[in-house]
Amino acid sequence: MTNDEKLPLFGLLHSCDELRQLLLEHPDLPLLVFASEDCNTGDYSYMSCSHAHAKIGEVLNCHQTVNDEMLYCDREEFEEDLRDGEWDDFDGDDNEFDTFIEKKLEEYEPYWTPCIILYVGN
């Protein structure tokens, strides 16, 4: 075995203190994992990741049509996209539009689900 072979794998083993603490404090929350686009080069079925970060968040857990390619974990971003998508087809003044948007947001309210979000990448 050469000296280079004895070197540790840089950045591949992570302390799981952050994730462990979140799991212990919130054992009832589901886990949502986001993998960045650089997580897998396509050469292997699975690749290890050199970056991992966990936090408590929430996800809009329904098949919304505001942007069906988006998984929303940010209420403000969802509202902004909802406003942008509805603006062109809405026939009314600004106050009526705000009321319309608030009613739409209320429909989605029960689907915001607290969770632990794990981000991994390279």
N, C-alpha and C. Protein backbone atom coordinates (compact mmCIF):
# COMPACT_ATOMS: atom_id res chain seq x y z
N MET A 1 0.86 -1.18 0.00
CA MET A 1 0.00 0.00 0.00
C MET A 1 0.90 1.23 0.00
N THR A 2 0.64 2.16 -0.93
CA THR A 2 1.45 3.38 -1.01
C THR A 2 0.97 4.39 0.01
N ASN A 3 1.78 5.42 0.26
CA ASN A 3 1.39 6.49 1.19
C ASN A 3 0.15 7.22 0.69
N ASP A 4 0.03 7.42 -0.63
CA ASP A 4 -1.16 8.08 -1.18
C ASP A 4 -2.41 7.25 -0.93
N GLU A 5 -2.28 5.95 -0.97
CA GLU A 5 -3.43 5.08 -0.74
C GLU A 5 -3.91 5.13 0.71
N LYS A 6 -3.04 5.57 1.60
CA LYS A 6 -3.38 5.64 3.02
C LYS A 6 -4.12 6.92 3.39
N LEU A 7 -4.21 7.86 2.45
CA LEU A 7 -4.90 9.13 2.73
C LEU A 7 -6.41 8.92 2.81
N PRO A 8 -7.09 9.66 3.70
CA PRO A 8 -8.54 9.49 3.82
C PRO A 8 -9.27 10.04 2.59
N LEU A 9 -10.48 9.58 2.41
CA LEU A 9 -11.34 10.08 1.34
C LEU A 9 -11.84 11.47 1.73
N PHE A 10 -11.35 12.48 1.06
CA PHE A 10 -11.67 13.86 1.41
C PHE A 10 -13.14 14.17 1.16
N GLY A 11 -13.82 14.57 2.22
CA GLY A 11 -15.18 15.06 2.09
C GLY A 11 -16.25 14.02 1.90
N LEU A 12 -15.93 12.74 1.96
CA LEU A 12 -16.96 11.74 1.72
C LEU A 12 -17.60 11.19 2.99
N LEU A 13 -16.89 11.26 4.09
CA LEU A 13 -17.48 10.84 5.36
C LEU A 13 -17.90 12.10 6.11
N HIS A 14 -19.16 12.13 6.50
CA HIS A 14 -19.73 13.33 7.12
C HIS A 14 -20.12 13.04 8.56
N SER A 15 -19.93 14.02 9.39
CA SER A 15 -20.50 13.94 10.72
C SER A 15 -22.02 13.98 10.55
N CYS A 16 -22.72 13.12 11.20
CA CYS A 16 -24.17 13.12 11.06
C CYS A 16 -24.83 13.77 12.28
N ASP A 17 -24.06 14.56 13.04
CA ASP A 17 -24.59 15.20 14.23
C ASP A 17 -25.81 16.06 13.92
N GLU A 18 -25.72 16.86 12.85
CA GLU A 18 -26.81 17.76 12.48
C GLU A 18 -28.07 16.96 12.15
N LEU A 19 -27.95 15.97 11.29
CA LEU A 19 -29.09 15.15 10.89
C LEU A 19 -29.60 14.32 12.07
N ARG A 20 -28.71 13.73 12.83
CA ARG A 20 -29.09 12.92 14.00
C ARG A 20 -29.91 13.77 14.98
N GLN A 21 -29.45 14.98 15.25
CA GLN A 21 -30.15 15.86 16.18
C GLN A 21 -31.55 16.19 15.68
N LEU A 22 -31.66 16.48 14.38
CA LEU A 22 -32.98 16.79 13.81
C LEU A 22 -33.90 15.57 13.90
N LEU A 23 -33.37 14.39 13.63
CA LEU A 23 -34.19 13.18 13.72
C LEU A 23 -34.63 12.90 15.16
N LEU A 24 -33.73 13.15 16.11
CA LEU A 24 -34.09 12.93 17.51
C LEU A 24 -35.12 13.95 18.00
N GLU A 25 -34.97 15.19 17.57
CA GLU A 25 -35.89 16.25 18.00
C GLU A 25 -37.24 16.17 17.30
N HIS A 26 -37.26 15.59 16.10
CA HIS A 26 -38.49 15.55 15.29
C HIS A 26 -38.69 14.16 14.70
N PRO A 27 -38.86 13.13 15.53
CA PRO A 27 -38.94 11.77 15.02
C PRO A 27 -40.18 11.50 14.17
N ASP A 28 -41.17 12.37 14.27
CA ASP A 28 -42.41 12.17 13.51
C ASP A 28 -42.35 12.78 12.11
N LEU A 29 -41.31 13.57 11.81
CA LEU A 29 -41.25 14.23 10.51
C LEU A 29 -40.66 13.30 9.44
N PRO A 30 -41.24 13.36 8.23
CA PRO A 30 -40.67 12.58 7.12
C PRO A 30 -39.37 13.23 6.64
N LEU A 31 -38.59 12.47 5.90
CA LEU A 31 -37.32 12.94 5.35
C LEU A 31 -37.48 13.17 3.86
N LEU A 32 -37.08 14.35 3.40
CA LEU A 32 -37.08 14.70 1.98
C LEU A 32 -35.63 14.92 1.58
N VAL A 33 -35.17 14.26 0.51
CA VAL A 33 -33.78 14.36 0.08
C VAL A 33 -33.72 15.06 -1.27
N PHE A 34 -32.88 16.09 -1.34
CA PHE A 34 -32.60 16.77 -2.60
C PHE A 34 -31.16 16.48 -2.98
N ALA A 35 -30.94 16.00 -4.18
CA ALA A 35 -29.60 15.73 -4.69
C ALA A 35 -29.32 16.74 -5.80
N SER A 36 -28.18 17.41 -5.71
CA SER A 36 -27.84 18.41 -6.72
C SER A 36 -27.53 17.73 -8.05
N GLU A 37 -27.53 18.51 -9.11
CA GLU A 37 -27.33 17.95 -10.45
C GLU A 37 -25.95 17.33 -10.64
N ASP A 38 -25.01 17.68 -9.79
CA ASP A 38 -23.67 17.12 -9.92
C ASP A 38 -23.46 15.88 -9.04
N CYS A 39 -24.53 15.32 -8.50
CA CYS A 39 -24.41 14.15 -7.62
C CYS A 39 -24.01 12.89 -8.36
N ASN A 40 -24.37 12.78 -9.62
CA ASN A 40 -24.06 11.55 -10.35
C ASN A 40 -23.65 11.90 -11.77
N THR A 41 -22.48 11.46 -12.16
CA THR A 41 -21.97 11.73 -13.51
C THR A 41 -22.60 10.82 -14.54
N GLY A 42 -23.31 9.80 -14.09
CA GLY A 42 -23.91 8.83 -14.99
C GLY A 42 -23.04 7.62 -15.22
N ASP A 43 -21.83 7.63 -14.68
CA ASP A 43 -20.92 6.50 -14.87
C ASP A 43 -21.26 5.33 -13.95
N TYR A 44 -21.92 5.60 -12.84
CA TYR A 44 -22.21 4.57 -11.85
C TYR A 44 -23.67 4.67 -11.42
N SER A 45 -24.20 3.57 -10.89
CA SER A 45 -25.58 3.58 -10.39
C SER A 45 -25.73 4.53 -9.21
N TYR A 46 -24.74 4.49 -8.32
CA TYR A 46 -24.74 5.36 -7.14
C TYR A 46 -23.38 6.02 -7.03
N MET A 47 -23.39 7.25 -6.54
CA MET A 47 -22.14 7.97 -6.27
C MET A 47 -22.21 8.55 -4.87
N SER A 48 -21.07 8.61 -4.22
CA SER A 48 -21.02 9.26 -2.91
C SER A 48 -21.04 10.77 -3.12
N CYS A 49 -21.45 11.50 -2.09
CA CYS A 49 -21.54 12.95 -2.17
C CYS A 49 -20.61 13.58 -1.13
N SER A 50 -19.98 14.67 -1.52
CA SER A 50 -19.02 15.32 -0.64
C SER A 50 -19.65 16.46 0.17
N HIS A 51 -20.92 16.74 -0.05
CA HIS A 51 -21.61 17.80 0.69
C HIS A 51 -22.93 17.24 1.21
N ALA A 52 -23.24 17.51 2.47
CA ALA A 52 -24.52 17.13 3.04
C ALA A 52 -24.92 18.17 4.08
N HIS A 53 -26.18 18.59 4.03
CA HIS A 53 -26.71 19.58 4.97
C HIS A 53 -28.18 19.25 5.21
N ALA A 54 -28.61 19.32 6.45
CA ALA A 54 -30.00 19.03 6.80
C ALA A 54 -30.62 20.21 7.52
N LYS A 55 -31.94 20.38 7.34
CA LYS A 55 -32.67 21.44 8.05
C LYS A 55 -34.13 21.05 8.15
N ILE A 56 -34.82 21.70 9.05
CA ILE A 56 -36.27 21.56 9.16
C ILE A 56 -36.89 22.51 8.15
N GLY A 57 -37.85 22.02 7.42
CA GLY A 57 -38.54 22.85 6.43
C GLY A 57 -39.94 22.33 6.23
N GLU A 58 -40.48 22.65 5.07
CA GLU A 58 -41.79 22.15 4.71
C GLU A 58 -41.84 22.02 3.19
N VAL A 59 -42.73 21.15 2.74
CA VAL A 59 -42.88 20.91 1.31
C VAL A 59 -44.36 20.96 0.97
N LEU A 60 -44.67 21.49 -0.20
CA LEU A 60 -46.05 21.48 -0.68
C LEU A 60 -46.31 20.09 -1.25
N ASN A 61 -46.99 19.27 -0.48
CA ASN A 61 -47.14 17.86 -0.76
C ASN A 61 -48.44 17.57 -1.50
N CYS A 62 -48.52 18.06 -2.74
CA CYS A 62 -49.67 17.79 -3.60
C CYS A 62 -49.25 18.01 -5.05
N HIS A 63 -50.06 17.52 -5.96
CA HIS A 63 -49.79 17.66 -7.40
C HIS A 63 -50.33 19.01 -7.87
N GLN A 64 -49.64 20.06 -7.55
CA GLN A 64 -50.07 21.41 -7.94
C GLN A 64 -49.78 21.64 -9.43
N THR A 65 -50.51 22.57 -10.03
CA THR A 65 -50.33 22.89 -11.44
C THR A 65 -49.76 24.29 -11.66
N VAL A 66 -49.33 24.94 -10.59
CA VAL A 66 -48.70 26.26 -10.73
C VAL A 66 -47.44 26.12 -11.55
N ASN A 67 -46.62 25.12 -11.19
CA ASN A 67 -45.44 24.73 -11.97
C ASN A 67 -45.24 23.25 -11.68
N ASP A 68 -45.72 22.41 -12.57
CA ASP A 68 -45.71 20.97 -12.30
C ASP A 68 -44.32 20.34 -12.37
N GLU A 69 -43.31 21.14 -12.69
CA GLU A 69 -41.93 20.65 -12.67
C GLU A 69 -41.20 21.07 -11.39
N MET A 70 -41.92 21.70 -10.48
CA MET A 70 -41.32 22.26 -9.27
C MET A 70 -41.87 21.58 -8.03
N LEU A 71 -40.97 21.28 -7.09
CA LEU A 71 -41.37 20.81 -5.77
C LEU A 71 -41.14 22.00 -4.83
N TYR A 72 -42.20 22.59 -4.35
CA TYR A 72 -42.08 23.83 -3.57
C TYR A 72 -41.78 23.54 -2.11
N CYS A 73 -40.74 24.18 -1.61
CA CYS A 73 -40.35 24.15 -0.20
C CYS A 73 -40.28 25.56 0.36
N ASP A 74 -40.82 26.50 -0.38
CA ASP A 74 -40.77 27.91 0.00
C ASP A 74 -42.12 28.54 -0.35
N ARG A 75 -42.85 28.97 0.66
CA ARG A 75 -44.18 29.53 0.45
C ARG A 75 -44.14 30.81 -0.39
N GLU A 76 -43.14 31.64 -0.15
CA GLU A 76 -43.05 32.89 -0.91
C GLU A 76 -42.81 32.63 -2.40
N GLU A 77 -41.96 31.67 -2.70
CA GLU A 77 -41.70 31.31 -4.09
C GLU A 77 -42.96 30.75 -4.74
N PHE A 78 -43.69 29.94 -4.00
CA PHE A 78 -44.94 29.40 -4.52
C PHE A 78 -45.94 30.52 -4.80
N GLU A 79 -46.08 31.45 -3.86
CA GLU A 79 -47.02 32.55 -4.06
C GLU A 79 -46.61 33.41 -5.26
N GLU A 80 -45.33 33.67 -5.39
CA GLU A 80 -44.84 34.47 -6.52
C GLU A 80 -45.17 33.78 -7.85
N ASP A 81 -44.92 32.49 -7.93
CA ASP A 81 -45.22 31.75 -9.16
C ASP A 81 -46.72 31.68 -9.41
N LEU A 82 -47.51 31.54 -8.34
CA LEU A 82 -48.96 31.54 -8.47
C LEU A 82 -49.44 32.88 -9.02
N ARG A 83 -48.94 33.98 -8.46
CA ARG A 83 -49.31 35.32 -8.93
C ARG A 83 -48.93 35.51 -10.40
N ASP A 84 -47.71 35.11 -10.74
CA ASP A 84 -47.25 35.27 -12.12
C ASP A 84 -48.11 34.48 -13.10
N GLY A 85 -48.51 33.28 -12.69
CA GLY A 85 -49.30 32.42 -13.57
C GLY A 85 -50.74 32.86 -13.73
N GLU A 86 -51.29 33.50 -12.72
CA GLU A 86 -52.71 33.89 -12.75
C GLU A 86 -52.94 35.31 -13.28
N TRP A 87 -51.91 36.13 -13.28
CA TRP A 87 -52.06 37.56 -13.58
C TRP A 87 -52.65 37.80 -14.96
N ASP A 88 -52.13 37.15 -15.98
CA ASP A 88 -52.56 37.43 -17.36
C ASP A 88 -54.03 37.09 -17.61
N ASP A 89 -54.54 36.07 -16.94
CA ASP A 89 -55.92 35.62 -17.18
C ASP A 89 -56.93 36.25 -16.22
N PHE A 90 -56.46 37.04 -15.26
CA PHE A 90 -57.37 37.60 -14.26
C PHE A 90 -58.01 38.88 -14.79
N ASP A 91 -59.32 38.98 -14.59
CA ASP A 91 -60.05 40.17 -15.02
C ASP A 91 -60.61 40.87 -13.79
N GLY A 92 -59.89 41.86 -13.29
CA GLY A 92 -60.31 42.58 -12.10
C GLY A 92 -59.22 43.53 -11.66
N ASP A 93 -59.48 44.28 -10.60
CA ASP A 93 -58.48 45.24 -10.12
C ASP A 93 -57.48 44.56 -9.18
N ASP A 94 -56.50 45.33 -8.69
CA ASP A 94 -55.44 44.78 -7.85
C ASP A 94 -55.97 44.18 -6.55
N ASN A 95 -56.94 44.85 -5.92
CA ASN A 95 -57.51 44.33 -4.66
C ASN A 95 -58.23 43.02 -4.89
N GLU A 96 -58.98 42.93 -5.98
CA GLU A 96 -59.68 41.69 -6.31
C GLU A 96 -58.68 40.57 -6.60
N PHE A 97 -57.59 40.93 -7.26
CA PHE A 97 -56.56 39.93 -7.56
C PHE A 97 -55.92 39.41 -6.27
N ASP A 98 -55.61 40.32 -5.35
CA ASP A 98 -55.03 39.91 -4.07
C ASP A 98 -55.97 38.96 -3.31
N THR A 99 -57.26 39.28 -3.32
CA THR A 99 -58.25 38.43 -2.66
C THR A 99 -58.32 37.06 -3.34
N PHE A 100 -58.29 37.06 -4.66
CA PHE A 100 -58.31 35.82 -5.44
C PHE A 100 -57.09 34.95 -5.09
N ILE A 101 -55.92 35.56 -5.02
CA ILE A 101 -54.69 34.83 -4.70
C ILE A 101 -54.75 34.28 -3.28
N GLU A 102 -55.23 35.07 -2.34
CA GLU A 102 -55.35 34.60 -0.95
C GLU A 102 -56.26 33.37 -0.86
N LYS A 103 -57.35 33.38 -1.61
CA LYS A 103 -58.25 32.22 -1.60
C LYS A 103 -57.57 30.99 -2.20
N LYS A 104 -56.80 31.19 -3.26
CA LYS A 104 -56.06 30.08 -3.87
C LYS A 104 -55.03 29.53 -2.88
N LEU A 105 -54.32 30.43 -2.19
CA LEU A 105 -53.32 30.00 -1.21
C LEU A 105 -53.97 29.21 -0.07
N GLU A 106 -55.15 29.61 0.35
CA GLU A 106 -55.88 28.88 1.39
C GLU A 106 -56.19 27.45 0.95
N GLU A 107 -56.46 27.24 -0.34
CA GLU A 107 -56.74 25.90 -0.84
C GLU A 107 -55.52 24.99 -0.67
N TYR A 108 -54.34 25.55 -0.81
CA TYR A 108 -53.10 24.78 -0.72
C TYR A 108 -52.60 24.61 0.72
N GLU A 109 -53.11 25.39 1.63
CA GLU A 109 -52.62 25.41 3.01
C GLU A 109 -52.52 24.02 3.66
N PRO A 110 -53.54 23.16 3.53
CA PRO A 110 -53.46 21.86 4.21
C PRO A 110 -52.37 20.94 3.66
N TYR A 111 -51.81 21.28 2.52
CA TYR A 111 -50.83 20.42 1.87
C TYR A 111 -49.39 20.81 2.16
N TRP A 112 -49.18 21.88 2.92
CA TRP A 112 -47.83 22.23 3.35
C TRP A 112 -47.47 21.29 4.50
N THR A 113 -46.47 20.45 4.28
CA THR A 113 -46.13 19.38 5.22
C THR A 113 -44.75 19.63 5.81
N PRO A 114 -44.65 19.74 7.14
CA PRO A 114 -43.33 19.87 7.77
C PRO A 114 -42.49 18.62 7.49
N CYS A 115 -41.19 18.81 7.34
CA CYS A 115 -40.30 17.68 7.07
C CYS A 115 -38.86 18.06 7.40
N ILE A 116 -38.02 17.05 7.41
CA ILE A 116 -36.58 17.27 7.50
C ILE A 116 -36.06 17.19 6.08
N ILE A 117 -35.36 18.22 5.65
CA ILE A 117 -34.84 18.27 4.28
C ILE A 117 -33.34 18.04 4.32
N LEU A 118 -32.89 17.05 3.57
CA LEU A 118 -31.48 16.72 3.46
C LEU A 118 -31.02 17.09 2.06
N TYR A 119 -30.02 17.95 1.98
CA TYR A 119 -29.44 18.36 0.71
C TYR A 119 -28.09 17.66 0.55
N VAL A 120 -27.88 17.00 -0.58
CA VAL A 120 -26.59 16.36 -0.85
C VAL A 120 -26.10 16.81 -2.22
N GLY A 121 -24.79 16.88 -2.34
CA GLY A 121 -24.19 17.30 -3.60
C GLY A 121 -22.69 17.06 -3.59
N ASN A 122 -22.06 17.47 -4.66
CA ASN A 122 -20.61 17.36 -4.79
C ASN A 122 -20.00 18.71 -5.10
